[in-house]
Amino acid sequence: MDGMSSDVERVIGCFLWTDLETDEHGHVSVTELGRVIRQNGIYVSNFTILRIVSDGETPQSTMNHESFVNAKEKLILELANQAPLEPEERRRRYKAQYLDLWREHSRSKDESGEIPISELPNVVFSECNPTRELLGALMEVKSDGSESLNFEEFCEMLENLPRSGMIDEDALLKAFQTEDVDGSGYVSRTQLYQLLIENGSDPLSKEDVDDMMEDCGVGDRFKYTGTYKMLVFYFVVVQ
């Protein structure tokens, strides 16, 4: 076993549940685990830990004891096989991969040149289709630190977005197509009510749908082709 592998296993493997501060629910936050690991000389971002903790499950910014044990095992396996990058080398790689995206979000930046946490939902939604749970977890992980995202944090976040927190666009489109019996690309207002009120883990009220229709300019028929993502944005980000 090389030096890096042995350091990772030694540092992370020796952490005990009792070494970390728990919240009022008896859980350990992703931020707390990341802070302690970095204090012991192993670089790992909170976004990386969030991805590992959320693997195959709803993204959560806190862990119970079982999740903590599983996260430690996955961190050891992942980090032990990765050669550590020096800060400047990591920044060069990020510039090559993400600088154009960072520039695209220039309107979101504050006077310090960073992206405020309040803008995070809009930034994430422009790159993928996150669930409310994923947005909440990302904001909680970051907001425990500073009030904004710098370039490196922006890159780490995009690299480590948990896939389990993404909305299934194909399933959403298929639901519309099932209602669109004549293949016109439209669904009626009644069909839209049914789709939005009866589907999903967070059902909507008729009043919610009426408000959305007014905000989005939907008449008696809704053209879902090419615009159904607007509904996702409305209910994930706006509400």
C-alpha atoms as a PDB file:
ATOM      1  CA  MET A   1       0.000   0.000   0.000  1.00  0.00           C
ATOM      2  CA  ASP A   2       1.463   3.383  -1.001  1.00  0.00           C
ATOM      3  CA  GLY A   3       1.800   6.414   1.286  1.00  0.00           C
ATOM      4  CA  MET A   4      -1.340   8.177   0.144  1.00  0.00           C
ATOM      5  CA  SER A   5      -3.505   5.051   0.533  1.00  0.00           C
ATOM      6  CA  SER A   6      -2.136   4.379   3.963  1.00  0.00           C
ATOM      7  CA  ASP A   7      -2.638   8.003   5.100  1.00  0.00           C
ATOM      8  CA  VAL A   8      -6.255   8.036   3.933  1.00  0.00           C
ATOM      9  CA  GLU A   9      -7.076   4.737   5.601  1.00  0.00           C
ATOM     10  CA  ARG A  10      -5.284   5.723   8.798  1.00  0.00           C
ATOM     11  CA  VAL A  11      -6.915   9.154   9.094  1.00  0.00           C
ATOM     12  CA  ILE A  12     -10.458   8.360   7.986  1.00  0.00           C
ATOM     13  CA  GLY A  13     -10.542   4.818   9.351  1.00  0.00           C
ATOM     14  CA  CYS A  14      -9.683   6.020  12.860  1.00  0.00           C
ATOM     15  CA  PHE A  15     -12.567   8.480  13.100  1.00  0.00           C
ATOM     16  CA  LEU A  16     -15.189   7.481  15.620  1.00  0.00           C
ATOM     17  CA  TRP A  17     -18.773   8.690  15.769  1.00  0.00           C
ATOM     18  CA  THR A  18     -17.984  10.171  19.166  1.00  0.00           C
ATOM     19  CA  ASP A  19     -15.153  12.284  17.683  1.00  0.00           C
ATOM     20  CA  LEU A  20     -17.657  14.434  15.799  1.00  0.00           C
ATOM     21  CA  GLU A  21     -20.213  16.975  16.930  1.00  0.00           C
ATOM     22  CA  THR A  22     -23.822  15.892  16.457  1.00  0.00           C
ATOM     23  CA  ASP A  23     -26.863  18.104  15.942  1.00  0.00           C
ATOM     24  CA  GLU A  24     -30.047  18.181  17.996  1.00  0.00           C
ATOM     25  CA  HIS A  25     -31.303  15.093  16.160  1.00  0.00           C
ATOM     26  CA  GLY A  26     -28.167  13.112  16.947  1.00  0.00           C
ATOM     27  CA  HIS A  27     -26.883  13.319  13.355  1.00  0.00           C
ATOM     28  CA  VAL A  28     -23.486  14.391  12.015  1.00  0.00           C
ATOM     29  CA  SER A  29     -23.439  16.947   9.211  1.00  0.00           C
ATOM     30  CA  VAL A  30     -21.519  16.530   5.966  1.00  0.00           C
ATOM     31  CA  THR A  31     -19.824  19.845   6.808  1.00  0.00           C
ATOM     32  CA  GLU A  32     -18.634  18.567  10.183  1.00  0.00           C
ATOM     33  CA  LEU A  33     -17.179  15.372   8.714  1.00  0.00           C
ATOM     34  CA  GLY A  34     -15.425  17.338   5.980  1.00  0.00           C
ATOM     35  CA  ARG A  35     -13.996  19.816   8.472  1.00  0.00           C
ATOM     36  CA  VAL A  36     -12.481  17.092  10.653  1.00  0.00           C
ATOM     37  CA  ILE A  37     -11.029  15.165   7.699  1.00  0.00           C
ATOM     38  CA  ARG A  38      -9.376  18.295   6.301  1.00  0.00           C
ATOM     39  CA  GLN A  39      -8.018  19.212   9.717  1.00  0.00           C
ATOM     40  CA  ASN A  40      -6.179  15.902   9.636  1.00  0.00           C
ATOM     41  CA  GLY A  41      -4.479  16.643   6.324  1.00  0.00           C
ATOM     42  CA  ILE A  42      -6.733  14.850   3.809  1.00  0.00           C
ATOM     43  CA  TYR A  43      -8.327  17.179   1.261  1.00  0.00           C
ATOM     44  CA  VAL A  44     -11.926  16.382   0.421  1.00  0.00           C
ATOM     45  CA  SER A  45     -14.714  18.842  -0.368  1.00  0.00           C
ATOM     46  CA  ASN A  46     -18.097  18.826   1.342  1.00  0.00           C
ATOM     47  CA  PHE A  47     -19.658  18.351  -2.091  1.00  0.00           C
ATOM     48  CA  THR A  48     -17.676  15.121  -2.570  1.00  0.00           C
ATOM     49  CA  ILE A  49     -18.885  13.818   0.782  1.00  0.00           C
ATOM     50  CA  LEU A  50     -22.472  14.779  -0.077  1.00  0.00           C
ATOM     51  CA  ARG A  51     -22.251  12.779  -3.328  1.00  0.00           C
ATOM     52  CA  ILE A  52     -20.952   9.724  -1.486  1.00  0.00           C
ATOM     53  CA  VAL A  53     -23.518   9.963   1.313  1.00  0.00           C
ATOM     54  CA  SER A  54     -26.331  10.420  -1.248  1.00  0.00           C
ATOM     55  CA  ASP A  55     -25.293   7.495  -3.440  1.00  0.00           C
ATOM     56  CA  GLY A  56     -28.522   5.866  -4.590  1.00  0.00           C
ATOM     57  CA  GLU A  57     -30.601   7.688  -1.986  1.00  0.00           C
ATOM     58  CA  THR A  58     -32.297  11.037  -1.464  1.00  0.00           C
ATOM     59  CA  PRO A  59     -29.568  13.665  -0.908  1.00  0.00           C
ATOM     60  CA  GLN A  60     -29.159  14.451   2.771  1.00  0.00           C
ATOM     61  CA  SER A  61     -26.750  16.920   4.366  1.00  0.00           C
ATOM     62  CA  THR A  62     -26.663  14.953   7.642  1.00  0.00           C
ATOM     63  CA  MET A  63     -25.851  11.348   8.498  1.00  0.00           C
ATOM     64  CA  ASN A  64     -27.017   8.862  11.070  1.00  0.00           C
ATOM     65  CA  HIS A  65     -24.496   6.379  12.444  1.00  0.00           C
ATOM     66  CA  GLU A  66     -25.066   3.806   9.688  1.00  0.00           C
ATOM     67  CA  SER A  67     -24.640   6.428   6.948  1.00  0.00           C
ATOM     68  CA  PHE A  68     -21.489   7.683   8.674  1.00  0.00           C
ATOM     69  CA  VAL A  69     -19.906   4.203   8.703  1.00  0.00           C
ATOM     70  CA  ASN A  70     -20.805   3.644   5.032  1.00  0.00           C
ATOM     71  CA  ALA A  71     -19.477   7.083   4.069  1.00  0.00           C
ATOM     72  CA  LYS A  72     -16.127   6.371   5.749  1.00  0.00           C
ATOM     73  CA  GLU A  73     -15.722   3.120   3.814  1.00  0.00           C
ATOM     74  CA  LYS A  74     -16.562   4.774   0.483  1.00  0.00           C
ATOM     75  CA  LEU A  75     -14.267   7.741   1.175  1.00  0.00           C
ATOM     76  CA  ILE A  76     -11.347   5.422   1.924  1.00  0.00           C
ATOM     77  CA  LEU A  77     -11.903   3.467  -1.303  1.00  0.00           C
ATOM     78  CA  GLU A  78     -12.315   6.575  -3.452  1.00  0.00           C
ATOM     79  CA  LEU A  79      -9.602   8.799  -1.999  1.00  0.00           C
ATOM     80  CA  ALA A  80      -6.970   6.083  -1.553  1.00  0.00           C
ATOM     81  CA  ASN A  81      -7.011   5.486  -5.319  1.00  0.00           C
ATOM     82  CA  GLN A  82      -6.647   9.153  -6.226  1.00  0.00           C
ATOM     83  CA  ALA A  83      -3.336  10.975  -6.332  1.00  0.00           C
ATOM     84  CA  PRO A  84      -3.702  14.283  -4.456  1.00  0.00           C
ATOM     85  CA  LEU A  85      -3.605  17.384  -6.644  1.00  0.00           C
ATOM     86  CA  GLU A  86      -1.662  20.432  -5.596  1.00  0.00           C
ATOM     87  CA  PRO A  87      -3.884  23.537  -5.290  1.00  0.00           C
ATOM     88  CA  GLU A  88      -2.458  25.187  -8.418  1.00  0.00           C
ATOM     89  CA  GLU A  89      -2.736  21.984 -10.439  1.00  0.00           C
ATOM     90  CA  ARG A  90      -6.339  21.553  -9.339  1.00  0.00           C
ATOM     91  CA  ARG A  91      -7.120  25.155 -10.282  1.00  0.00           C
ATOM     92  CA  ARG A  92      -5.558  24.724 -13.744  1.00  0.00           C
ATOM     93  CA  ARG A  93      -7.703  21.676 -14.365  1.00  0.00           C
ATOM     94  CA  TYR A  94     -10.811  23.498 -13.191  1.00  0.00           C
ATOM     95  CA  LYS A  95     -10.057  26.445 -15.470  1.00  0.00           C
ATOM     96  CA  ALA A  96      -9.833  24.134 -18.472  1.00  0.00           C
ATOM     97  CA  GLN A  97     -13.127  22.398 -17.678  1.00  0.00           C
ATOM     98  CA  TYR A  98     -15.337  24.976 -15.990  1.00  0.00           C
ATOM     99  CA  LEU A  99     -14.154  28.515 -16.721  1.00  0.00           C
ATOM    100  CA  ASP A 100     -16.680  29.056 -19.508  1.00  0.00           C
ATOM    101  CA  LEU A 101     -19.532  27.988 -17.223  1.00  0.00           C
ATOM    102  CA  TRP A 102     -18.253  30.264 -14.453  1.00  0.00           C
ATOM    103  CA  ARG A 103     -18.257  33.172 -16.873  1.00  0.00           C
ATOM    104  CA  GLU A 104     -21.785  32.329 -18.015  1.00  0.00           C
ATOM    105  CA  HIS A 105     -22.949  32.876 -14.442  1.00  0.00           C
ATOM    106  CA  SER A 106     -21.239  36.267 -14.137  1.00  0.00           C
ATOM    107  CA  ARG A 107     -24.583  38.017 -13.642  1.00  0.00           C
ATOM    108  CA  SER A 108     -25.086  36.010 -10.463  1.00  0.00           C
ATOM    109  CA  LYS A 109     -21.859  37.195  -8.836  1.00  0.00           C
ATOM    110  CA  ASP A 110     -21.670  39.748  -6.039  1.00  0.00           C
ATOM    111  CA  GLU A 111     -19.142  42.561  -5.604  1.00  0.00           C
ATOM    112  CA  SER A 112     -16.511  40.083  -4.385  1.00  0.00           C
ATOM    113  CA  GLY A 113     -16.730  38.136  -7.663  1.00  0.00           C
ATOM    114  CA  GLU A 114     -18.304  35.109  -5.971  1.00  0.00           C
ATOM    115  CA  ILE A 115     -21.783  33.612  -6.396  1.00  0.00           C
ATOM    116  CA  PRO A 116     -24.081  34.261  -3.391  1.00  0.00           C
ATOM    117  CA  ILE A 117     -25.737  31.240  -1.789  1.00  0.00           C
ATOM    118  CA  SER A 118     -29.112  32.838  -2.599  1.00  0.00           C
ATOM    119  CA  GLU A 119     -28.297  32.345  -6.314  1.00  0.00           C
ATOM    120  CA  LEU A 120     -27.310  28.696  -5.940  1.00  0.00           C
ATOM    121  CA  PRO A 121     -30.713  27.255  -6.983  1.00  0.00           C
ATOM    122  CA  ASN A 122     -30.658  29.195 -10.255  1.00  0.00           C
ATOM    123  CA  VAL A 123     -27.054  28.197 -10.967  1.00  0.00           C
ATOM    124  CA  VAL A 124     -27.626  24.491 -10.295  1.00  0.00           C
ATOM    125  CA  PHE A 125     -30.868  24.397 -12.268  1.00  0.00           C
ATOM    126  CA  SER A 126     -29.156  25.893 -15.315  1.00  0.00           C
ATOM    127  CA  GLU A 127     -26.735  22.937 -15.352  1.00  0.00           C
ATOM    128  CA  CYS A 128     -29.094  20.083 -14.450  1.00  0.00           C
ATOM    129  CA  ASN A 129     -32.614  19.357 -13.185  1.00  0.00           C
ATOM    130  CA  PRO A 130     -32.261  18.991  -9.409  1.00  0.00           C
ATOM    131  CA  THR A 131     -34.932  17.937  -6.958  1.00  0.00           C
ATOM    132  CA  ARG A 132     -35.846  20.177  -4.028  1.00  0.00           C
ATOM    133  CA  GLU A 133     -34.026  17.744  -1.746  1.00  0.00           C
ATOM    134  CA  LEU A 134     -30.780  18.106  -3.688  1.00  0.00           C
ATOM    135  CA  LEU A 135     -31.003  21.911  -3.736  1.00  0.00           C
ATOM    136  CA  GLY A 136     -31.688  21.964  -0.006  1.00  0.00           C
ATOM    137  CA  ALA A 137     -28.760  19.660   0.731  1.00  0.00           C
ATOM    138  CA  LEU A 138     -26.351  21.705  -1.434  1.00  0.00           C
ATOM    139  CA  MET A 139     -27.381  24.968   0.205  1.00  0.00           C
ATOM    140  CA  GLU A 140     -27.107  23.518   3.695  1.00  0.00           C
ATOM    141  CA  VAL A 141     -23.661  22.035   3.040  1.00  0.00           C
ATOM    142  CA  LYS A 142     -22.358  25.351   1.713  1.00  0.00           C
ATOM    143  CA  SER A 143     -24.182  27.774   3.977  1.00  0.00           C
ATOM    144  CA  ASP A 144     -22.489  26.275   7.036  1.00  0.00           C
ATOM    145  CA  GLY A 145     -19.367  28.031   5.786  1.00  0.00           C
ATOM    146  CA  SER A 146     -19.380  31.298   3.873  1.00  0.00           C
ATOM    147  CA  GLU A 147     -22.207  33.189   2.199  1.00  0.00           C
ATOM    148  CA  SER A 148     -20.997  32.599  -1.360  1.00  0.00           C
ATOM    149  CA  LEU A 149     -19.332  30.169  -3.782  1.00  0.00           C
ATOM    150  CA  ASN A 150     -15.855  30.855  -5.106  1.00  0.00           C
ATOM    151  CA  PHE A 151     -14.595  29.414  -8.400  1.00  0.00           C
ATOM    152  CA  GLU A 152     -13.103  26.267  -6.868  1.00  0.00           C
ATOM    153  CA  GLU A 153     -16.241  25.502  -4.855  1.00  0.00           C
ATOM    154  CA  PHE A 154     -18.342  26.067  -7.989  1.00  0.00           C
ATOM    155  CA  CYS A 155     -16.243  23.483  -9.860  1.00  0.00           C
ATOM    156  CA  GLU A 156     -16.330  20.970  -7.002  1.00  0.00           C
ATOM    157  CA  MET A 157     -20.082  21.306  -6.726  1.00  0.00           C
ATOM    158  CA  LEU A 158     -20.620  20.603 -10.443  1.00  0.00           C
ATOM    159  CA  GLU A 159     -18.200  17.651 -10.367  1.00  0.00           C
ATOM    160  CA  ASN A 160     -19.929  16.077  -7.399  1.00  0.00           C
ATOM    161  CA  LEU A 161     -23.651  16.644  -7.958  1.00  0.00           C
ATOM    162  CA  PRO A 162     -25.364  13.482  -6.661  1.00  0.00           C
ATOM    163  CA  ARG A 163     -27.126  11.842  -9.601  1.00  0.00           C
ATOM    164  CA  SER A 164     -29.733  10.470  -7.194  1.00  0.00           C
ATOM    165  CA  GLY A 165     -30.937  14.048  -6.723  1.00  0.00           C
ATOM    166  CA  MET A 166     -31.760  14.667 -10.372  1.00  0.00           C
ATOM    167  CA  ILE A 167     -35.260  14.816 -11.815  1.00  0.00           C
ATOM    168  CA  ASP A 168     -35.974  12.108 -14.371  1.00  0.00           C
ATOM    169  CA  GLU A 169     -36.729  14.190 -17.470  1.00  0.00           C
ATOM    170  CA  ASP A 170     -37.647  11.124 -19.530  1.00  0.00           C
ATOM    171  CA  ALA A 171     -40.260  10.039 -16.983  1.00  0.00           C
ATOM    172  CA  LEU A 172     -41.692  13.564 -16.838  1.00  0.00           C
ATOM    173  CA  LEU A 173     -41.924  13.826 -20.618  1.00  0.00           C
ATOM    174  CA  LYS A 174     -43.462  10.360 -20.851  1.00  0.00           C
ATOM    175  CA  ALA A 175     -46.177  11.377 -18.384  1.00  0.00           C
ATOM    176  CA  PHE A 176     -47.145  14.270 -20.657  1.00  0.00           C
ATOM    177  CA  GLN A 177     -47.032  12.081 -23.768  1.00  0.00           C
ATOM    178  CA  THR A 178     -49.335   9.538 -22.101  1.00  0.00           C
ATOM    179  CA  GLU A 179     -51.951  12.261 -21.565  1.00  0.00           C
ATOM    180  CA  ASP A 180     -51.443  13.630 -25.090  1.00  0.00           C
ATOM    181  CA  VAL A 181     -53.571  10.984 -26.785  1.00  0.00           C
ATOM    182  CA  ASP A 182     -53.782  12.771 -30.150  1.00  0.00           C
ATOM    183  CA  GLY A 183     -50.047  13.548 -30.324  1.00  0.00           C
ATOM    184  CA  SER A 184     -50.641  17.291 -30.703  1.00  0.00           C
ATOM    185  CA  GLY A 185     -47.937  18.334 -28.219  1.00  0.00           C
ATOM    186  CA  TYR A 186     -50.584  19.859 -25.942  1.00  0.00           C
ATOM    187  CA  VAL A 187     -52.432  18.775 -22.799  1.00  0.00           C
ATOM    188  CA  SER A 188     -55.588  20.365 -21.495  1.00  0.00           C
ATOM    189  CA  ARG A 189     -55.801  22.407 -18.322  1.00  0.00           C
ATOM    190  CA  THR A 190     -57.660  19.520 -16.674  1.00  0.00           C
ATOM    191  CA  GLN A 191     -54.926  17.059 -17.690  1.00  0.00           C
ATOM    192  CA  LEU A 192     -52.262  19.423 -16.402  1.00  0.00           C
ATOM    193  CA  TYR A 193     -54.093  19.670 -13.068  1.00  0.00           C
ATOM    194  CA  GLN A 194     -54.117  15.892 -12.834  1.00  0.00           C
ATOM    195  CA  LEU A 195     -50.437  15.512 -13.718  1.00  0.00           C
ATOM    196  CA  LEU A 196     -49.237  18.121 -11.239  1.00  0.00           C
ATOM    197  CA  ILE A 197     -51.620  17.401  -8.368  1.00  0.00           C
ATOM    198  CA  GLU A 198     -51.540  13.613  -8.415  1.00  0.00           C
ATOM    199  CA  ASN A 199     -47.889  12.935  -9.268  1.00  0.00           C
ATOM    200  CA  GLY A 200     -44.660  13.318  -7.316  1.00  0.00           C
ATOM    201  CA  SER A 201     -43.655  13.014  -3.686  1.00  0.00           C
ATOM    202  CA  ASP A 202     -44.844  16.552  -2.910  1.00  0.00           C
ATOM    203  CA  PRO A 203     -48.380  16.807  -4.349  1.00  0.00           C
ATOM    204  CA  LEU A 204     -49.692  20.246  -5.256  1.00  0.00           C
ATOM    205  CA  SER A 205     -53.005  21.867  -4.518  1.00  0.00           C
ATOM    206  CA  LYS A 206     -55.340  23.242  -7.178  1.00  0.00           C
ATOM    207  CA  GLU A 207     -54.476  26.737  -5.929  1.00  0.00           C
ATOM    208  CA  ASP A 208     -50.746  26.018  -6.449  1.00  0.00           C
ATOM    209  CA  VAL A 209     -51.388  24.949 -10.028  1.00  0.00           C
ATOM    210  CA  ASP A 210     -53.606  27.977 -10.705  1.00  0.00           C
ATOM    211  CA  ASP A 211     -50.840  30.293  -9.461  1.00  0.00           C
ATOM    212  CA  MET A 212     -48.271  28.523 -11.633  1.00  0.00           C
ATOM    213  CA  MET A 213     -50.496  28.735 -14.701  1.00  0.00           C
ATOM    214  CA  GLU A 214     -50.979  32.447 -14.183  1.00  0.00           C
ATOM    215  CA  ASP A 215     -47.247  33.067 -13.662  1.00  0.00           C
ATOM    216  CA  CYS A 216     -46.282  30.967 -16.681  1.00  0.00           C
ATOM    217  CA  GLY A 217     -48.999  32.292 -18.964  1.00  0.00           C
ATOM    218  CA  VAL A 218     -50.709  28.932 -19.470  1.00  0.00           C
ATOM    219  CA  GLY A 219     -54.168  29.135 -21.074  1.00  0.00           C
ATOM    220  CA  ASP A 220     -56.718  26.385 -21.500  1.00  0.00           C
ATOM    221  CA  ARG A 221     -54.115  24.220 -23.238  1.00  0.00           C
ATOM    222  CA  PHE A 222     -50.473  23.740 -22.287  1.00  0.00           C
ATOM    223  CA  LYS A 223     -47.832  23.122 -24.966  1.00  0.00           C
ATOM    224  CA  TYR A 224     -45.545  20.778 -23.065  1.00  0.00           C
ATOM    225  CA  THR A 225     -43.055  20.067 -25.873  1.00  0.00           C
ATOM    226  CA  GLY A 226     -39.974  22.170 -25.274  1.00  0.00           C
ATOM    227  CA  THR A 227     -41.530  23.985 -22.311  1.00  0.00           C
ATOM    228  CA  TYR A 228     -42.281  21.322 -19.708  1.00  0.00           C
ATOM    229  CA  LYS A 229     -38.920  22.084 -18.075  1.00  0.00           C
ATOM    230  CA  MET A 230     -40.419  25.452 -17.134  1.00  0.00           C
ATOM    231  CA  LEU A 231     -42.759  23.588 -14.791  1.00  0.00           C
ATOM    232  CA  VAL A 232     -39.841  21.810 -13.166  1.00  0.00           C
ATOM    233  CA  PHE A 233     -38.069  25.129 -12.622  1.00  0.00           C
ATOM    234  CA  TYR A 234     -41.198  26.703 -11.170  1.00  0.00           C
ATOM    235  CA  PHE A 235     -41.848  24.028  -8.596  1.00  0.00           C
ATOM    236  CA  VAL A 236     -38.233  23.263  -7.678  1.00  0.00           C
ATOM    237  CA  VAL A 237     -36.803  26.788  -7.596  1.00  0.00           C
ATOM    238  CA  VAL A 238     -39.620  29.330  -7.402  1.00  0.00           C
ATOM    239  CA  GLN A 239     -41.723  27.691  -4.710  1.00  0.00           C
END
